[in-house]
Amino acid sequence: MVETSKFDYSKVRDVLKPLGAEMGKVVTRFPPEPSGYLHIGHIKASMLNYHYAKMYQGQMILRFDDTNPLAEKLEFVENIKTDLARLEIHPDRVSFSSDYFD
């Protein structure tokens, strides 16, 4: 595993600048639906979001898209958190889409 504090961001440091990214203000979000296990596409997306947030001293939010209660299980929520931790991806916040509904 690569520690984010030791990761060399020099080759990608300016990628978000044309989009107006400012140090300390970048917030990214990884929104998996907890209806299954992570696959390689999820991992790629989570790593990009995490590293860009850290590169700009911002935050990454893990926001579970739990709006389909028939397909989702707590087992998948816990497994996703475990898999991300194994990859040394530590979100700054964890939330659920359902938190924003009545």
PDB file of N, CA and C in Angstrom:
ATOM      1  N   MET A   1       0.828  -1.182   0.000  1.00  0.00           N
ATOM      2  CA  MET A   1       0.000   0.000   0.000  1.00  0.00           C
ATOM      3  C   MET A   1       0.874   1.248   0.000  1.00  0.00           C
ATOM      4  N   VAL A   2       0.360   2.292  -0.600  1.00  0.00           N
ATOM      5  CA  VAL A   2       1.066   3.560  -0.646  1.00  0.00           C
ATOM      6  C   VAL A   2       0.442   4.507   0.366  1.00  0.00           C
ATOM      7  N   GLU A   3       1.246   5.026   1.285  1.00  0.00           N
ATOM      8  CA  GLU A   3       0.738   6.008   2.229  1.00  0.00           C
ATOM      9  C   GLU A   3       0.474   7.305   1.491  1.00  0.00           C
ATOM     10  N   THR A   4      -0.687   7.909   1.725  1.00  0.00           N
ATOM     11  CA  THR A   4      -0.992   9.158   1.019  1.00  0.00           C
ATOM     12  C   THR A   4      -0.009  10.258   1.378  1.00  0.00           C
ATOM     13  N   SER A   5       0.543  10.225   2.569  1.00  0.00           N
ATOM     14  CA  SER A   5       1.499  11.255   2.947  1.00  0.00           C
ATOM     15  C   SER A   5       2.809  11.101   2.181  1.00  0.00           C
ATOM     16  N   LYS A   6       3.084   9.923   1.644  1.00  0.00           N
ATOM     17  CA  LYS A   6       4.316   9.676   0.898  1.00  0.00           C
ATOM     18  C   LYS A   6       4.074   9.565  -0.603  1.00  0.00           C
ATOM     19  N   PHE A   7       2.835   9.636  -1.015  1.00  0.00           N
ATOM     20  CA  PHE A   7       2.506   9.500  -2.437  1.00  0.00           C
ATOM     21  C   PHE A   7       2.997  10.727  -3.186  1.00  0.00           C
ATOM     22  N   ASP A   8       3.637  10.531  -4.342  1.00  0.00           N
ATOM     23  CA  ASP A   8       4.157  11.639  -5.150  1.00  0.00           C
ATOM     24  C   ASP A   8       3.060  12.166  -6.072  1.00  0.00           C
ATOM     25  N   TYR A   9       2.494  13.301  -5.711  1.00  0.00           N
ATOM     26  CA  TYR A   9       1.411  13.892  -6.485  1.00  0.00           C
ATOM     27  C   TYR A   9       1.907  14.852  -7.566  1.00  0.00           C
ATOM     28  N   SER A  10       3.198  14.978  -7.746  1.00  0.00           N
ATOM     29  CA  SER A  10       3.740  15.998  -8.637  1.00  0.00           C
ATOM     30  C   SER A  10       3.243  15.872 -10.081  1.00  0.00           C
ATOM     31  N   LYS A  11       2.996  14.660 -10.551  1.00  0.00           N
ATOM     32  CA  LYS A  11       2.563  14.482 -11.944  1.00  0.00           C
ATOM     33  C   LYS A  11       1.103  14.829 -12.168  1.00  0.00           C
ATOM     34  N   VAL A  12       0.327  14.847 -11.117  1.00  0.00           N
ATOM     35  CA  VAL A  12      -1.114  15.098 -11.265  1.00  0.00           C
ATOM     36  C   VAL A  12      -1.593  16.302 -10.465  1.00  0.00           C
ATOM     37  N   ARG A  13      -0.684  17.046  -9.888  1.00  0.00           N
ATOM     38  CA  ARG A  13      -1.035  18.143  -8.990  1.00  0.00           C
ATOM     39  C   ARG A  13      -1.948  19.186  -9.619  1.00  0.00           C
ATOM     40  N   ASP A  14      -1.784  19.479 -10.895  1.00  0.00           N
ATOM     41  CA  ASP A  14      -2.548  20.559 -11.523  1.00  0.00           C
ATOM     42  C   ASP A  14      -3.771  20.095 -12.310  1.00  0.00           C
ATOM     43  N   VAL A  15      -4.115  18.837 -12.234  1.00  0.00           N
ATOM     44  CA  VAL A  15      -5.223  18.309 -13.021  1.00  0.00           C
ATOM     45  C   VAL A  15      -6.543  19.033 -12.731  1.00  0.00           C
ATOM     46  N   LEU A  16      -6.819  19.341 -11.485  1.00  0.00           N
ATOM     47  CA  LEU A  16      -8.091  19.979 -11.131  1.00  0.00           C
ATOM     48  C   LEU A  16      -8.040  21.509 -11.161  1.00  0.00           C
ATOM     49  N   LYS A  17      -6.864  22.082 -11.334  1.00  0.00           N
ATOM     50  CA  LYS A  17      -6.754  23.550 -11.341  1.00  0.00           C
ATOM     51  C   LYS A  17      -7.635  24.213 -12.396  1.00  0.00           C
ATOM     52  N   PRO A  18      -7.682  23.701 -13.650  1.00  0.00           N
ATOM     53  CA  PRO A  18      -8.553  24.344 -14.654  1.00  0.00           C
ATOM     54  C   PRO A  18     -10.035  24.334 -14.263  1.00  0.00           C
ATOM     55  N   LEU A  19     -10.398  23.466 -13.333  1.00  0.00           N
ATOM     56  CA  LEU A  19     -11.782  23.391 -12.871  1.00  0.00           C
ATOM     57  C   LEU A  19     -12.031  24.309 -11.672  1.00  0.00           C
ATOM     58  N   GLY A  20     -11.012  25.052 -11.287  1.00  0.00           N
ATOM     59  CA  GLY A  20     -11.163  25.993 -10.178  1.00  0.00           C
ATOM     60  C   GLY A  20     -10.871  25.415  -8.807  1.00  0.00           C
ATOM     61  N   ALA A  21     -10.212  24.265  -8.754  1.00  0.00           N
ATOM     62  CA  ALA A  21      -9.907  23.642  -7.458  1.00  0.00           C
ATOM     63  C   ALA A  21      -8.994  24.536  -6.630  1.00  0.00           C
ATOM     64  N   GLU A  22      -9.349  24.683  -5.358  1.00  0.00           N
ATOM     65  CA  GLU A  22      -8.544  25.487  -4.444  1.00  0.00           C
ATOM     66  C   GLU A  22      -8.135  24.631  -3.252  1.00  0.00           C
ATOM     67  N   MET A  23      -6.920  24.856  -2.800  1.00  0.00           N
ATOM     68  CA  MET A  23      -6.393  24.109  -1.664  1.00  0.00           C
ATOM     69  C   MET A  23      -7.331  24.253  -0.461  1.00  0.00           C
ATOM     70  N   GLY A  24      -7.686  23.121   0.131  1.00  0.00           N
ATOM     71  CA  GLY A  24      -8.538  23.102   1.305  1.00  0.00           C
ATOM     72  C   GLY A  24     -10.029  23.151   1.021  1.00  0.00           C
ATOM     73  N   LYS A  25     -10.417  23.305  -0.256  1.00  0.00           N
ATOM     74  CA  LYS A  25     -11.835  23.435  -0.577  1.00  0.00           C
ATOM     75  C   LYS A  25     -12.397  22.284  -1.418  1.00  0.00           C
ATOM     76  N   VAL A  26     -11.559  21.364  -1.846  1.00  0.00           N
ATOM     77  CA  VAL A  26     -12.019  20.247  -2.673  1.00  0.00           C
ATOM     78  C   VAL A  26     -12.720  19.207  -1.792  1.00  0.00           C
ATOM     79  N   VAL A  27     -13.937  18.858  -2.176  1.00  0.00           N
ATOM     80  CA  VAL A  27     -14.691  17.814  -1.483  1.00  0.00           C
ATOM     81  C   VAL A  27     -15.124  16.808  -2.537  1.00  0.00           C
ATOM     82  N   THR A  28     -14.758  15.548  -2.338  1.00  0.00           N
ATOM     83  CA  THR A  28     -15.160  14.495  -3.266  1.00  0.00           C
ATOM     84  C   THR A  28     -16.112  13.550  -2.550  1.00  0.00           C
ATOM     85  N   ARG A  29     -16.790  12.742  -3.350  1.00  0.00           N
ATOM     86  CA  ARG A  29     -17.782  11.828  -2.788  1.00  0.00           C
ATOM     87  C   ARG A  29     -17.672  10.496  -3.512  1.00  0.00           C
ATOM     88  N   PHE A  30     -17.681   9.418  -2.732  1.00  0.00           N
ATOM     89  CA  PHE A  30     -17.743   8.071  -3.290  1.00  0.00           C
ATOM     90  C   PHE A  30     -19.086   7.497  -2.866  1.00  0.00           C
ATOM     91  N   PRO A  31     -20.026   7.267  -3.832  1.00  0.00           N
ATOM     92  CA  PRO A  31     -21.395   6.883  -3.481  1.00  0.00           C
ATOM     93  C   PRO A  31     -21.795   5.453  -3.852  1.00  0.00           C
ATOM     94  N   PRO A  32     -21.227   4.431  -3.220  1.00  0.00           N
ATOM     95  CA  PRO A  32     -21.644   3.075  -3.589  1.00  0.00           C
ATOM     96  C   PRO A  32     -23.054   2.754  -3.087  1.00  0.00           C
ATOM     97  N   GLU A  33     -23.731   1.901  -3.818  1.00  0.00           N
ATOM     98  CA  GLU A  33     -25.017   1.373  -3.339  1.00  0.00           C
ATOM     99  C   GLU A  33     -24.701   0.103  -2.568  1.00  0.00           C
ATOM    100  N   PRO A  34     -25.131  -0.016  -1.325  1.00  0.00           N
ATOM    101  CA  PRO A  34     -24.790  -1.200  -0.528  1.00  0.00           C
ATOM    102  C   PRO A  34     -25.651  -2.414  -0.874  1.00  0.00           C
ATOM    103  N   SER A  35     -25.595  -2.794  -2.143  1.00  0.00           N
ATOM    104  CA  SER A  35     -26.379  -3.941  -2.603  1.00  0.00           C
ATOM    105  C   SER A  35     -25.470  -5.064  -3.116  1.00  0.00           C
ATOM    106  N   GLY A  36     -24.177  -4.938  -2.844  1.00  0.00           N
ATOM    107  CA  GLY A  36     -23.229  -5.957  -3.272  1.00  0.00           C
ATOM    108  C   GLY A  36     -21.832  -5.568  -2.826  1.00  0.00           C
ATOM    109  N   TYR A  37     -20.870  -6.369  -3.243  1.00  0.00           N
ATOM    110  CA  TYR A  37     -19.477  -6.126  -2.879  1.00  0.00           C
ATOM    111  C   TYR A  37     -18.832  -5.208  -3.903  1.00  0.00           C
ATOM    112  N   LEU A  38     -17.760  -4.540  -3.493  1.00  0.00           N
ATOM    113  CA  LEU A  38     -17.047  -3.655  -4.405  1.00  0.00           C
ATOM    114  C   LEU A  38     -16.372  -4.455  -5.517  1.00  0.00           C
ATOM    115  N   HIS A  39     -16.322  -3.864  -6.706  1.00  0.00           N
ATOM    116  CA  HIS A  39     -15.578  -4.447  -7.822  1.00  0.00           C
ATOM    117  C   HIS A  39     -14.489  -3.470  -8.227  1.00  0.00           C
ATOM    118  N   ILE A  40     -13.688  -3.812  -9.214  1.00  0.00           N
ATOM    119  CA  ILE A  40     -12.526  -3.011  -9.581  1.00  0.00           C
ATOM    120  C   ILE A  40     -12.919  -1.589  -9.998  1.00  0.00           C
ATOM    121  N   GLY A  41     -14.060  -1.403 -10.622  1.00  0.00           N
ATOM    122  CA  GLY A  41     -14.520  -0.062 -10.990  1.00  0.00           C
ATOM    123  C   GLY A  41     -14.792   0.802  -9.776  1.00  0.00           C
ATOM    124  N   HIS A  42     -15.373   0.198  -8.746  1.00  0.00           N
ATOM    125  CA  HIS A  42     -15.591   0.924  -7.495  1.00  0.00           C
ATOM    126  C   HIS A  42     -14.257   1.344  -6.878  1.00  0.00           C
ATOM    127  N   ILE A  43     -13.302   0.427  -6.908  1.00  0.00           N
ATOM    128  CA  ILE A  43     -11.996   0.696  -6.302  1.00  0.00           C
ATOM    129  C   ILE A  43     -11.314   1.849  -7.024  1.00  0.00           C
ATOM    130  N   LYS A  44     -11.358   1.828  -8.344  1.00  0.00           N
ATOM    131  CA  LYS A  44     -10.744   2.911  -9.119  1.00  0.00           C
ATOM    132  C   LYS A  44     -11.382   4.254  -8.757  1.00  0.00           C
ATOM    133  N   ALA A  45     -12.698   4.299  -8.719  1.00  0.00           N
ATOM    134  CA  ALA A  45     -13.404   5.541  -8.394  1.00  0.00           C
ATOM    135  C   ALA A  45     -13.080   6.002  -6.975  1.00  0.00           C
ATOM    136  N   SER A  46     -13.057   5.074  -6.030  1.00  0.00           N
ATOM    137  CA  SER A  46     -12.790   5.466  -4.640  1.00  0.00           C
ATOM    138  C   SER A  46     -11.372   5.994  -4.490  1.00  0.00           C
ATOM    139  N   MET A  47     -10.413   5.380  -5.176  1.00  0.00           N
ATOM    140  CA  MET A  47      -9.026   5.837  -5.078  1.00  0.00           C
ATOM    141  C   MET A  47      -8.852   7.216  -5.703  1.00  0.00           C
ATOM    142  N   LEU A  48      -9.460   7.450  -6.858  1.00  0.00           N
ATOM    143  CA  LEU A  48      -9.366   8.769  -7.482  1.00  0.00           C
ATOM    144  C   LEU A  48      -9.962   9.842  -6.566  1.00  0.00           C
ATOM    145  N   ASN A  49     -11.145   9.578  -6.059  1.00  0.00           N
ATOM    146  CA  ASN A  49     -11.793  10.544  -5.175  1.00  0.00           C
ATOM    147  C   ASN A  49     -10.965  10.803  -3.924  1.00  0.00           C
ATOM    148  N   TYR A  50     -10.455   9.757  -3.325  1.00  0.00           N
ATOM    149  CA  TYR A  50      -9.682   9.899  -2.096  1.00  0.00           C
ATOM    150  C   TYR A  50      -8.393  10.690  -2.336  1.00  0.00           C
ATOM    151  N   HIS A  51      -7.654  10.300  -3.363  1.00  0.00           N
ATOM    152  CA  HIS A  51      -6.365  10.946  -3.597  1.00  0.00           C
ATOM    153  C   HIS A  51      -6.511  12.402  -4.036  1.00  0.00           C
ATOM    154  N   TYR A  52      -7.511  12.719  -4.849  1.00  0.00           N
ATOM    155  CA  TYR A  52      -7.693  14.126  -5.210  1.00  0.00           C
ATOM    156  C   TYR A  52      -8.103  14.962  -3.995  1.00  0.00           C
ATOM    157  N   ALA A  53      -8.922  14.416  -3.148  1.00  0.00           N
ATOM    158  CA  ALA A  53      -9.286  15.143  -1.930  1.00  0.00           C
ATOM    159  C   ALA A  53      -8.051  15.392  -1.070  1.00  0.00           C
ATOM    160  N   LYS A  54      -7.227  14.395  -0.894  1.00  0.00           N
ATOM    161  CA  LYS A  54      -6.038  14.545  -0.062  1.00  0.00           C
ATOM    162  C   LYS A  54      -5.010  15.461  -0.716  1.00  0.00           C
ATOM    163  N   MET A  55      -4.860  15.378  -2.031  1.00  0.00           N
ATOM    164  CA  MET A  55      -3.906  16.211  -2.743  1.00  0.00           C
ATOM    165  C   MET A  55      -4.215  17.697  -2.529  1.00  0.00           C
ATOM    166  N   TYR A  56      -5.486  18.025  -2.443  1.00  0.00           N
ATOM    167  CA  TYR A  56      -5.907  19.408  -2.258  1.00  0.00           C
ATOM    168  C   TYR A  56      -6.275  19.711  -0.795  1.00  0.00           C
ATOM    169  N   GLN A  57      -5.842  18.855   0.103  1.00  0.00           N
ATOM    170  CA  GLN A  57      -6.108  19.014   1.540  1.00  0.00           C
ATOM    171  C   GLN A  57      -7.597  19.229   1.809  1.00  0.00           C
ATOM    172  N   GLY A  58      -8.414  18.470   1.064  1.00  0.00           N
ATOM    173  CA  GLY A  58      -9.863  18.567   1.199  1.00  0.00           C
ATOM    174  C   GLY A  58     -10.434  17.376   1.938  1.00  0.00           C
ATOM    175  N   GLN A  59     -11.651  17.025   1.574  1.00  0.00           N
ATOM    176  CA  GLN A  59     -12.351  15.926   2.231  1.00  0.00           C
ATOM    177  C   GLN A  59     -12.939  14.965   1.212  1.00  0.00           C
ATOM    178  N   MET A  60     -13.036  13.703   1.615  1.00  0.00           N
ATOM    179  CA  MET A  60     -13.763  12.705   0.830  1.00  0.00           C
ATOM    180  C   MET A  60     -14.903  12.190   1.687  1.00  0.00           C
ATOM    181  N   ILE A  61     -16.089  12.184   1.109  1.00  0.00           N
ATOM    182  CA  ILE A  61     -17.275  11.691   1.792  1.00  0.00           C
ATOM    183  C   ILE A  61     -17.637  10.324   1.226  1.00  0.00           C
ATOM    184  N   LEU A  62     -17.813   9.354   2.088  1.00  0.00           N
ATOM    185  CA  LEU A  62     -18.368   8.053   1.705  1.00  0.00           C
ATOM    186  C   LEU A  62     -19.861   8.167   1.960  1.00  0.00           C
ATOM    187  N   ARG A  63     -20.631   8.244   0.884  1.00  0.00           N
ATOM    188  CA  ARG A  63     -22.078   8.431   1.027  1.00  0.00           C
ATOM    189  C   ARG A  63     -22.794   7.244   0.399  1.00  0.00           C
ATOM    190  N   PHE A  64     -23.316   6.387   1.235  1.00  0.00           N
ATOM    191  CA  PHE A  64     -24.010   5.204   0.757  1.00  0.00           C
ATOM    192  C   PHE A  64     -25.332   5.605   0.107  1.00  0.00           C
ATOM    193  N   ASP A  65     -25.512   5.160  -1.121  1.00  0.00           N
ATOM    194  CA  ASP A  65     -26.748   5.426  -1.860  1.00  0.00           C
ATOM    195  C   ASP A  65     -27.743   4.330  -1.494  1.00  0.00           C
ATOM    196  N   ASP A  66     -28.392   4.515  -0.375  1.00  0.00           N
ATOM    197  CA  ASP A  66     -29.270   3.484   0.193  1.00  0.00           C
ATOM    198  C   ASP A  66     -30.746   3.790  -0.054  1.00  0.00           C
ATOM    199  N   THR A  67     -31.068   4.074  -1.290  1.00  0.00           N
ATOM    200  CA  THR A  67     -32.450   4.448  -1.615  1.00  0.00           C
ATOM    201  C   THR A  67     -33.244   3.286  -2.209  1.00  0.00           C
ATOM    202  N   ASN A  68     -32.677   2.096  -2.210  1.00  0.00           N
ATOM    203  CA  ASN A  68     -33.371   0.913  -2.705  1.00  0.00           C
ATOM    204  C   ASN A  68     -33.348  -0.157  -1.609  1.00  0.00           C
ATOM    205  N   PRO A  69     -34.216  -0.036  -0.606  1.00  0.00           N
ATOM    206  CA  PRO A  69     -34.137  -0.915   0.573  1.00  0.00           C
ATOM    207  C   PRO A  69     -34.326  -2.403   0.271  1.00  0.00           C
ATOM    208  N   LEU A  70     -34.905  -2.744  -0.863  1.00  0.00           N
ATOM    209  CA  LEU A  70     -35.085  -4.161  -1.189  1.00  0.00           C
ATOM    210  C   LEU A  70     -33.775  -4.843  -1.560  1.00  0.00           C
ATOM    211  N   ALA A  71     -32.789  -4.071  -2.026  1.00  0.00           N
ATOM    212  CA  ALA A  71     -31.533  -4.655  -2.494  1.00  0.00           C
ATOM    213  C   ALA A  71     -30.378  -4.484  -1.517  1.00  0.00           C
ATOM    214  N   GLU A  72     -30.534  -3.631  -0.518  1.00  0.00           N
ATOM    215  CA  GLU A  72     -29.413  -3.283   0.341  1.00  0.00           C
ATOM    216  C   GLU A  72     -29.400  -4.064   1.647  1.00  0.00           C
ATOM    217  N   LYS A  73     -28.160  -4.275   2.132  1.00  0.00           N
ATOM    218  CA  LYS A  73     -27.994  -5.013   3.388  1.00  0.00           C
ATOM    219  C   LYS A  73     -26.862  -4.385   4.193  1.00  0.00           C
ATOM    220  N   LEU A  74     -26.975  -4.450   5.505  1.00  0.00           N
ATOM    221  CA  LEU A  74     -25.932  -3.959   6.389  1.00  0.00           C
ATOM    222  C   LEU A  74     -24.613  -4.695   6.137  1.00  0.00           C
ATOM    223  N   GLU A  75     -24.709  -5.959   5.762  1.00  0.00           N
ATOM    224  CA  GLU A  75     -23.515  -6.752   5.436  1.00  0.00           C
ATOM    225  C   GLU A  75     -22.664  -6.046   4.388  1.00  0.00           C
ATOM    226  N   PHE A  76     -23.299  -5.476   3.360  1.00  0.00           N
ATOM    227  CA  PHE A  76     -22.562  -4.812   2.291  1.00  0.00           C
ATOM    228  C   PHE A  76     -21.977  -3.482   2.759  1.00  0.00           C
ATOM    229  N   VAL A  77     -22.691  -2.773   3.606  1.00  0.00           N
ATOM    230  CA  VAL A  77     -22.170  -1.519   4.171  1.00  0.00           C
ATOM    231  C   VAL A  77     -20.877  -1.807   4.925  1.00  0.00           C
ATOM    232  N   GLU A  78     -20.910  -2.789   5.806  1.00  0.00           N
ATOM    233  CA  GLU A  78     -19.732  -3.134   6.608  1.00  0.00           C
ATOM    234  C   GLU A  78     -18.586  -3.634   5.736  1.00  0.00           C
ATOM    235  N   ASN A  79     -18.905  -4.438   4.714  1.00  0.00           N
ATOM    236  CA  ASN A  79     -17.872  -4.967   3.839  1.00  0.00           C
ATOM    237  C   ASN A  79     -17.213  -3.854   3.029  1.00  0.00           C
ATOM    238  N   ILE A  80     -17.983  -2.898   2.554  1.00  0.00           N
ATOM    239  CA  ILE A  80     -17.430  -1.767   1.797  1.00  0.00           C
ATOM    240  C   ILE A  80     -16.487  -0.966   2.687  1.00  0.00           C
ATOM    241  N   LYS A  81     -16.886  -0.689   3.911  1.00  0.00           N
ATOM    242  CA  LYS A  81     -16.019   0.036   4.835  1.00  0.00           C
ATOM    243  C   LYS A  81     -14.717  -0.726   5.082  1.00  0.00           C
ATOM    244  N   THR A  82     -14.834  -2.039   5.259  1.00  0.00           N
ATOM    245  CA  THR A  82     -13.653  -2.882   5.493  1.00  0.00           C
ATOM    246  C   THR A  82     -12.725  -2.879   4.289  1.00  0.00           C
ATOM    247  N   ASP A  83     -13.296  -3.029   3.090  1.00  0.00           N
ATOM    248  CA  ASP A  83     -12.475  -3.038   1.871  1.00  0.00           C
ATOM    249  C   ASP A  83     -11.749  -1.713   1.677  1.00  0.00           C
ATOM    250  N   LEU A  84     -12.428  -0.605   1.910  1.00  0.00           N
ATOM    251  CA  LEU A  84     -11.784   0.702   1.773  1.00  0.00           C
ATOM    252  C   LEU A  84     -10.653   0.860   2.785  1.00  0.00           C
ATOM    253  N   ALA A  85     -10.867   0.407   4.002  1.00  0.00           N
ATOM    254  CA  ALA A  85      -9.816   0.485   5.024  1.00  0.00           C
ATOM    255  C   ALA A  85      -8.602  -0.350   4.616  1.00  0.00           C
ATOM    256  N   ARG A  86      -8.839  -1.511   4.001  1.00  0.00           N
ATOM    257  CA  ARG A  86      -7.727  -2.349   3.520  1.00  0.00           C
ATOM    258  C   ARG A  86      -6.898  -1.618   2.479  1.00  0.00           C
ATOM    259  N   LEU A  87      -7.549  -0.771   1.705  1.00  0.00           N
ATOM    260  CA  LEU A  87      -6.870   0.016   0.674  1.00  0.00           C
ATOM    261  C   LEU A  87      -6.313   1.323   1.232  1.00  0.00           C
ATOM    262  N   GLU A  88      -6.410   1.490   2.541  1.00  0.00           N
ATOM    263  CA  GLU A  88      -5.957   2.693   3.237  1.00  0.00           C
ATOM    264  C   GLU A  88      -6.704   3.934   2.750  1.00  0.00           C
ATOM    265  N   ILE A  89      -7.971   3.749   2.440  1.00  0.00           N
ATOM    266  CA  ILE A  89      -8.865   4.849   2.101  1.00  0.00           C
ATOM    267  C   ILE A  89      -9.714   5.107   3.336  1.00  0.00           C
ATOM    268  N   HIS A  90      -9.531   6.278   3.922  1.00  0.00           N
ATOM    269  CA  HIS A  90     -10.205   6.633   5.162  1.00  0.00           C
ATOM    270  C   HIS A  90     -11.047   7.884   4.922  1.00  0.00           C
ATOM    271  N   PRO A  91     -12.346   7.708   4.669  1.00  0.00           N
ATOM    272  CA  PRO A  91     -13.201   8.867   4.411  1.00  0.00           C
ATOM    273  C   PRO A  91     -13.232   9.814   5.601  1.00  0.00           C
ATOM    274  N   ASP A  92     -13.428  11.087   5.293  1.00  0.00           N
ATOM    275  CA  ASP A  92     -13.549  12.092   6.346  1.00  0.00           C
ATOM    276  C   ASP A  92     -14.930  12.063   6.986  1.00  0.00           C
ATOM    277  N   ARG A  93     -15.904  11.614   6.217  1.00  0.00           N
ATOM    278  CA  ARG A  93     -17.287  11.510   6.711  1.00  0.00           C
ATOM    279  C   ARG A  93     -17.950  10.323   6.038  1.00  0.00           C
ATOM    280  N   VAL A  94     -18.899   9.729   6.741  1.00  0.00           N
ATOM    281  CA  VAL A  94     -19.737   8.666   6.189  1.00  0.00           C
ATOM    282  C   VAL A  94     -21.180   9.109   6.372  1.00  0.00           C
ATOM    283  N   SER A  95     -21.949   9.029   5.288  1.00  0.00           N
ATOM    284  CA  SER A  95     -23.368   9.380   5.377  1.00  0.00           C
ATOM    285  C   SER A  95     -24.172   8.429   4.504  1.00  0.00           C
ATOM    286  N   PHE A  96     -25.473   8.558   4.609  1.00  0.00           N
ATOM    287  CA  PHE A  96     -26.402   7.741   3.825  1.00  0.00           C
ATOM    288  C   PHE A  96     -27.371   8.682   3.131  1.00  0.00           C
ATOM    289  N   SER A  97     -27.691   8.395   1.877  1.00  0.00           N
ATOM    290  CA  SER A  97     -28.655   9.227   1.147  1.00  0.00           C
ATOM    291  C   SER A  97     -29.969   9.334   1.923  1.00  0.00           C
ATOM    292  N   SER A  98     -30.356   8.246   2.563  1.00  0.00           N
ATOM    293  CA  SER A  98     -31.625   8.235   3.314  1.00  0.00           C
ATOM    294  C   SER A  98     -31.613   9.219   4.487  1.00  0.00           C
ATOM    295  N   ASP A  99     -30.434   9.668   4.914  1.00  0.00           N
ATOM    296  CA  ASP A  99     -30.356  10.673   5.983  1.00  0.00           C
ATOM    297  C   ASP A  99     -31.017  11.979   5.567  1.00  0.00           C
ATOM    298  N   TYR A 100     -31.152  12.192   4.265  1.00  0.00           N
ATOM    299  CA  TYR A 100     -31.664  13.443   3.746  1.00  0.00           C
ATOM    300  C   TYR A 100     -33.113  13.359   3.294  1.00  0.00           C
ATOM    301  N   PHE A 101     -33.777  12.250   3.626  1.00  0.00           N
ATOM    302  CA  PHE A 101     -35.188  12.053   3.298  1.00  0.00           C
ATOM    303  C   PHE A 101     -36.006  11.952   4.579  1.00  0.00           C
ATOM    304  N   ASP A 102     -37.276  12.341   4.521  1.00  0.00           N
ATOM    305  CA  ASP A 102     -38.168  12.180   5.672  1.00  0.00           C
ATOM    306  C   ASP A 102     -38.434  10.710   5.928  1.00  0.00           C
TER     307      ASP A 102
END
